[in-house]
Amino acid sequence: MTETVLKIDYNELPVTDMDAAKAFYAKAFDWTFTDYGPTYAAFQNAGIDGGLRLEDKPFPTGALILLRAENIIAAEGRVEAAGGSITLREDYPGGRRFLFTDPSGNQLGIYSEHGKYG
């Protein structure tokens, strides 16, 4: 199966203080959260699904935009054929994803709920 269109589906915000970030977004925008351990909290009520990802220091590229793929291998091929560079492949609870940079150095990711790399 190949992808016809990949669309933005998820957004991750790096944070250095999970409790403070959750309190801020809840108070400012009425977001609610589902915790997935101490380093990740998915958010709801934001218009697009996403999560807060705990980092040791501010993340240099800011938010991580994620696209969803049914066939992640086909998506990798499309990214590389278009001139992108894959920087990380990883499994996560419920699927796998890869991060890549575009020709301008912007970092994005593509995830799939199908399969694992490892």
N, C-alpha and C. Protein backbone atom coordinates (compact mmCIF):
# COMPACT_ATOMS: atom_id res chain seq x y z
N MET A 1 0.85 -1.18 0.00
CA MET A 1 0.00 0.00 0.00
C MET A 1 0.89 1.24 0.00
N THR A 2 0.56 2.23 -0.81
CA THR A 2 1.30 3.48 -0.81
C THR A 2 0.38 4.59 -0.33
N GLU A 3 0.99 5.67 0.14
CA GLU A 3 0.24 6.81 0.62
C GLU A 3 -0.18 7.68 -0.56
N THR A 4 -1.39 8.20 -0.53
CA THR A 4 -1.79 9.17 -1.53
C THR A 4 -1.60 10.57 -0.99
N VAL A 5 -2.00 10.82 0.25
CA VAL A 5 -1.85 12.13 0.88
C VAL A 5 -1.52 11.92 2.35
N LEU A 6 -0.52 12.62 2.83
CA LEU A 6 -0.21 12.62 4.25
C LEU A 6 -0.65 13.96 4.81
N LYS A 7 -1.40 13.94 5.90
CA LYS A 7 -1.93 15.16 6.47
C LYS A 7 -1.45 15.34 7.90
N ILE A 8 -1.32 16.61 8.31
CA ILE A 8 -0.95 16.90 9.69
C ILE A 8 -2.03 16.31 10.59
N ASP A 9 -1.59 15.56 11.59
CA ASP A 9 -2.53 14.85 12.45
C ASP A 9 -2.26 15.06 13.93
N TYR A 10 -1.07 15.53 14.30
CA TYR A 10 -0.70 15.57 15.70
C TYR A 10 0.39 16.61 15.88
N ASN A 11 0.47 17.21 17.05
CA ASN A 11 1.45 18.24 17.34
C ASN A 11 2.02 18.00 18.73
N GLU A 12 3.33 17.96 18.85
CA GLU A 12 3.96 17.80 20.15
C GLU A 12 4.67 19.08 20.56
N LEU A 13 4.47 19.48 21.80
CA LEU A 13 5.14 20.66 22.34
C LEU A 13 6.17 20.21 23.37
N PRO A 14 7.44 20.55 23.18
CA PRO A 14 8.44 20.21 24.18
C PRO A 14 8.30 21.15 25.38
N VAL A 15 8.40 20.61 26.58
CA VAL A 15 8.29 21.41 27.80
C VAL A 15 9.41 21.00 28.76
N THR A 16 9.83 21.92 29.60
CA THR A 16 10.87 21.62 30.58
C THR A 16 10.31 21.41 31.98
N ASP A 17 9.03 21.72 32.19
CA ASP A 17 8.36 21.51 33.47
C ASP A 17 6.94 21.04 33.16
N MET A 18 6.70 19.75 33.28
CA MET A 18 5.41 19.17 32.89
C MET A 18 4.26 19.76 33.68
N ASP A 19 4.40 19.83 35.00
CA ASP A 19 3.30 20.34 35.83
C ASP A 19 2.97 21.79 35.49
N ALA A 20 3.99 22.61 35.32
CA ALA A 20 3.76 24.03 34.99
C ALA A 20 3.12 24.17 33.61
N ALA A 21 3.56 23.35 32.66
CA ALA A 21 3.01 23.42 31.30
C ALA A 21 1.54 23.01 31.29
N LYS A 22 1.23 21.92 31.98
CA LYS A 22 -0.16 21.47 32.04
C LYS A 22 -1.04 22.52 32.70
N ALA A 23 -0.55 23.11 33.79
CA ALA A 23 -1.33 24.16 34.46
C ALA A 23 -1.54 25.36 33.55
N PHE A 24 -0.52 25.75 32.81
CA PHE A 24 -0.64 26.89 31.90
C PHE A 24 -1.68 26.63 30.82
N TYR A 25 -1.55 25.51 30.11
CA TYR A 25 -2.46 25.24 28.99
C TYR A 25 -3.89 24.98 29.47
N ALA A 26 -4.03 24.38 30.62
CA ALA A 26 -5.38 24.17 31.18
C ALA A 26 -6.03 25.50 31.51
N LYS A 27 -5.29 26.38 32.14
CA LYS A 27 -5.85 27.68 32.54
C LYS A 27 -6.05 28.61 31.35
N ALA A 28 -5.08 28.65 30.46
CA ALA A 28 -5.16 29.58 29.33
C ALA A 28 -6.16 29.15 28.27
N PHE A 29 -6.26 27.84 28.00
CA PHE A 29 -7.04 27.36 26.85
C PHE A 29 -8.04 26.26 27.18
N ASP A 30 -8.18 25.88 28.44
CA ASP A 30 -9.09 24.80 28.85
C ASP A 30 -8.73 23.44 28.27
N TRP A 31 -7.45 23.23 27.98
CA TRP A 31 -7.03 21.91 27.50
C TRP A 31 -7.12 20.92 28.66
N THR A 32 -7.41 19.66 28.34
CA THR A 32 -7.37 18.57 29.30
C THR A 32 -6.26 17.62 28.89
N PHE A 33 -5.85 16.74 29.81
CA PHE A 33 -4.67 15.92 29.56
C PHE A 33 -4.90 14.46 29.94
N THR A 34 -4.22 13.58 29.23
CA THR A 34 -4.12 12.17 29.58
C THR A 34 -2.64 11.88 29.73
N ASP A 35 -2.23 11.48 30.94
CA ASP A 35 -0.82 11.21 31.21
C ASP A 35 -0.43 9.83 30.70
N TYR A 36 0.74 9.77 30.08
CA TYR A 36 1.36 8.51 29.66
C TYR A 36 2.73 8.45 30.30
N GLY A 37 2.75 8.29 31.61
CA GLY A 37 3.99 8.31 32.37
C GLY A 37 4.39 9.74 32.71
N PRO A 38 5.54 9.90 33.36
CA PRO A 38 5.95 11.22 33.84
C PRO A 38 6.49 12.16 32.76
N THR A 39 6.77 11.63 31.57
CA THR A 39 7.41 12.46 30.55
C THR A 39 6.53 12.79 29.36
N TYR A 40 5.25 12.37 29.41
CA TYR A 40 4.38 12.65 28.27
C TYR A 40 2.93 12.80 28.72
N ALA A 41 2.27 13.82 28.22
CA ALA A 41 0.85 14.03 28.48
C ALA A 41 0.17 14.45 27.18
N ALA A 42 -0.76 13.63 26.72
CA ALA A 42 -1.52 13.99 25.52
C ALA A 42 -2.53 15.07 25.90
N PHE A 43 -2.76 16.01 24.99
CA PHE A 43 -3.76 17.04 25.28
C PHE A 43 -4.96 16.91 24.36
N GLN A 44 -6.11 17.34 24.89
CA GLN A 44 -7.36 17.34 24.15
C GLN A 44 -7.94 18.75 24.21
N ASN A 45 -8.95 18.99 23.38
CA ASN A 45 -9.68 20.27 23.33
C ASN A 45 -8.82 21.39 22.74
N ALA A 46 -7.86 21.06 21.89
CA ALA A 46 -6.97 22.07 21.33
C ALA A 46 -7.22 22.30 19.84
N GLY A 47 -8.21 21.64 19.25
CA GLY A 47 -8.47 21.78 17.83
C GLY A 47 -7.77 20.73 17.00
N ILE A 48 -6.59 20.32 17.42
CA ILE A 48 -5.85 19.21 16.82
C ILE A 48 -5.23 18.46 17.99
N ASP A 49 -5.20 17.15 17.93
CA ASP A 49 -4.63 16.37 19.02
C ASP A 49 -3.13 16.61 19.10
N GLY A 50 -2.62 16.43 20.29
CA GLY A 50 -1.19 16.61 20.49
C GLY A 50 -0.78 16.19 21.87
N GLY A 51 0.45 16.53 22.22
CA GLY A 51 0.95 16.16 23.53
C GLY A 51 2.06 17.08 23.99
N LEU A 52 2.30 17.05 25.28
CA LEU A 52 3.43 17.73 25.90
C LEU A 52 4.50 16.69 26.15
N ARG A 53 5.72 16.96 25.67
CA ARG A 53 6.83 16.02 25.79
C ARG A 53 7.91 16.65 26.66
N LEU A 54 8.24 16.02 27.78
CA LEU A 54 9.22 16.56 28.71
C LEU A 54 10.63 16.46 28.13
N GLU A 55 11.35 17.56 28.15
CA GLU A 55 12.73 17.64 27.69
C GLU A 55 13.60 18.23 28.80
N ASP A 56 14.87 17.93 28.80
CA ASP A 56 15.79 18.46 29.81
C ASP A 56 16.05 19.96 29.63
N LYS A 57 15.99 20.42 28.39
CA LYS A 57 16.26 21.82 28.09
C LYS A 57 15.34 22.23 26.94
N PRO A 58 15.19 23.53 26.70
CA PRO A 58 14.32 23.95 25.59
C PRO A 58 14.72 23.25 24.29
N PHE A 59 13.73 22.82 23.57
CA PHE A 59 13.94 22.09 22.32
C PHE A 59 14.20 23.10 21.20
N PRO A 60 15.30 22.97 20.48
CA PRO A 60 15.70 24.02 19.52
C PRO A 60 14.71 24.31 18.40
N THR A 61 13.93 23.32 17.99
CA THR A 61 13.02 23.55 16.87
C THR A 61 11.59 23.82 17.32
N GLY A 62 11.34 23.85 18.62
CA GLY A 62 9.99 24.13 19.10
C GLY A 62 9.05 22.97 18.87
N ALA A 63 7.83 23.28 18.47
CA ALA A 63 6.79 22.25 18.29
C ALA A 63 7.20 21.24 17.23
N LEU A 64 6.76 20.01 17.44
CA LEU A 64 6.99 18.94 16.47
C LEU A 64 5.67 18.60 15.80
N ILE A 65 5.56 18.90 14.52
CA ILE A 65 4.37 18.58 13.73
C ILE A 65 4.49 17.14 13.26
N LEU A 66 3.42 16.35 13.48
CA LEU A 66 3.42 14.95 13.08
C LEU A 66 2.32 14.68 12.07
N LEU A 67 2.67 13.92 11.04
CA LEU A 67 1.72 13.46 10.05
C LEU A 67 1.47 11.98 10.30
N ARG A 68 0.28 11.51 9.97
CA ARG A 68 -0.06 10.10 10.16
C ARG A 68 0.09 9.36 8.84
N ALA A 69 0.64 8.15 8.90
CA ALA A 69 0.81 7.32 7.71
C ALA A 69 0.25 5.93 7.98
N GLU A 70 -0.43 5.38 7.01
CA GLU A 70 -0.82 3.97 7.07
C GLU A 70 0.39 3.10 6.77
N ASN A 71 1.18 3.50 5.80
CA ASN A 71 2.36 2.75 5.38
C ASN A 71 3.58 3.61 5.63
N ILE A 72 4.23 3.40 6.76
CA ILE A 72 5.34 4.28 7.15
C ILE A 72 6.56 4.08 6.26
N ILE A 73 6.76 2.90 5.73
CA ILE A 73 7.90 2.65 4.84
C ILE A 73 7.72 3.45 3.54
N ALA A 74 6.51 3.47 3.00
CA ALA A 74 6.24 4.27 1.81
C ALA A 74 6.44 5.76 2.11
N ALA A 75 6.04 6.19 3.31
CA ALA A 75 6.21 7.59 3.69
C ALA A 75 7.69 7.94 3.79
N GLU A 76 8.51 7.04 4.34
CA GLU A 76 9.95 7.27 4.40
C GLU A 76 10.51 7.47 2.99
N GLY A 77 10.08 6.62 2.08
CA GLY A 77 10.55 6.73 0.70
C GLY A 77 10.18 8.06 0.06
N ARG A 78 8.98 8.52 0.32
CA ARG A 78 8.54 9.81 -0.23
C ARG A 78 9.37 10.96 0.33
N VAL A 79 9.62 10.92 1.63
CA VAL A 79 10.40 11.98 2.27
C VAL A 79 11.81 12.03 1.67
N GLU A 80 12.46 10.88 1.58
CA GLU A 80 13.82 10.84 1.06
C GLU A 80 13.86 11.22 -0.42
N ALA A 81 12.88 10.75 -1.21
CA ALA A 81 12.85 11.08 -2.63
C ALA A 81 12.65 12.58 -2.87
N ALA A 82 11.99 13.24 -1.93
CA ALA A 82 11.75 14.68 -2.06
C ALA A 82 12.91 15.52 -1.54
N GLY A 83 13.93 14.89 -0.97
CA GLY A 83 15.09 15.63 -0.49
C GLY A 83 15.17 15.79 1.01
N GLY A 84 14.29 15.11 1.76
CA GLY A 84 14.34 15.16 3.22
C GLY A 84 15.35 14.18 3.77
N SER A 85 15.78 14.41 5.00
CA SER A 85 16.73 13.53 5.66
C SER A 85 16.11 12.96 6.93
N ILE A 86 16.05 11.64 7.01
CA ILE A 86 15.51 10.99 8.21
C ILE A 86 16.57 11.07 9.30
N THR A 87 16.17 11.58 10.47
CA THR A 87 17.11 11.78 11.57
C THR A 87 16.91 10.80 12.72
N LEU A 88 15.75 10.17 12.81
CA LEU A 88 15.47 9.24 13.91
C LEU A 88 14.33 8.32 13.53
N ARG A 89 14.49 7.05 13.86
CA ARG A 89 13.40 6.08 13.77
C ARG A 89 13.21 5.53 15.18
N GLU A 90 11.95 5.47 15.65
CA GLU A 90 11.73 4.96 17.00
C GLU A 90 10.36 4.32 17.13
N ASP A 91 10.30 3.34 18.03
CA ASP A 91 9.03 2.74 18.43
C ASP A 91 8.49 3.51 19.62
N TYR A 92 7.20 3.52 19.78
CA TYR A 92 6.56 4.10 20.96
C TYR A 92 5.37 3.22 21.30
N PRO A 93 4.81 3.35 22.52
CA PRO A 93 3.66 2.52 22.85
C PRO A 93 2.52 2.76 21.86
N GLY A 94 2.21 1.75 21.08
CA GLY A 94 1.12 1.88 20.12
C GLY A 94 1.55 2.08 18.68
N GLY A 95 2.85 2.09 18.39
CA GLY A 95 3.26 2.26 17.00
C GLY A 95 4.72 2.61 16.84
N ARG A 96 5.01 3.31 15.76
CA ARG A 96 6.37 3.73 15.45
C ARG A 96 6.32 5.05 14.71
N ARG A 97 7.46 5.75 14.69
CA ARG A 97 7.54 7.02 13.98
C ARG A 97 8.96 7.29 13.55
N PHE A 98 9.08 8.21 12.61
CA PHE A 98 10.40 8.70 12.26
C PHE A 98 10.35 10.22 12.21
N LEU A 99 11.49 10.82 12.53
CA LEU A 99 11.64 12.27 12.44
C LEU A 99 12.52 12.56 11.24
N PHE A 100 12.28 13.70 10.62
CA PHE A 100 13.07 14.08 9.46
C PHE A 100 13.21 15.59 9.40
N THR A 101 14.20 16.03 8.63
CA THR A 101 14.34 17.45 8.35
C THR A 101 14.05 17.67 6.87
N ASP A 102 13.42 18.81 6.60
CA ASP A 102 13.18 19.20 5.22
C ASP A 102 14.42 19.94 4.71
N PRO A 103 14.47 20.32 3.43
CA PRO A 103 15.66 21.00 2.91
C PRO A 103 16.00 22.32 3.61
N SER A 104 15.06 22.92 4.34
CA SER A 104 15.34 24.15 5.07
C SER A 104 15.76 23.89 6.51
N GLY A 105 15.78 22.63 6.92
CA GLY A 105 16.18 22.28 8.28
C GLY A 105 15.03 22.18 9.26
N ASN A 106 13.79 22.34 8.82
CA ASN A 106 12.64 22.17 9.71
C ASN A 106 12.49 20.70 10.06
N GLN A 107 12.23 20.42 11.33
CA GLN A 107 12.03 19.04 11.76
C GLN A 107 10.56 18.73 11.88
N LEU A 108 10.14 17.62 11.28
CA LEU A 108 8.78 17.10 11.37
C LEU A 108 8.88 15.61 11.64
N GLY A 109 7.72 14.97 11.85
CA GLY A 109 7.70 13.54 12.06
C GLY A 109 6.52 12.91 11.36
N ILE A 110 6.63 11.63 11.12
CA ILE A 110 5.52 10.84 10.57
C ILE A 110 5.40 9.60 11.44
N TYR A 111 4.16 9.30 11.84
CA TYR A 111 3.94 8.14 12.70
C TYR A 111 2.92 7.21 12.09
N SER A 112 2.97 5.98 12.55
CA SER A 112 2.02 4.95 12.15
C SER A 112 1.68 4.10 13.36
N GLU A 113 0.44 3.72 13.44
CA GLU A 113 0.00 2.82 14.51
C GLU A 113 0.20 1.37 14.10
N HIS A 114 0.83 1.14 12.96
CA HIS A 114 1.04 -0.21 12.43
C HIS A 114 2.50 -0.61 12.56
N GLY A 115 2.75 -1.66 13.32
CA GLY A 115 4.07 -2.25 13.39
C GLY A 115 5.06 -1.54 14.28
N LYS A 116 6.26 -2.08 14.28
CA LYS A 116 7.38 -1.56 15.07
C LYS A 116 8.63 -1.61 14.20
N TYR A 117 9.60 -0.76 14.50
CA TYR A 117 10.91 -0.84 13.84
C TYR A 117 11.72 -1.98 14.44
N GLY A 118 11.73 -2.03 15.80
CA GLY A 118 12.56 -3.01 16.50
C GLY A 118 11.95 -4.34 16.44
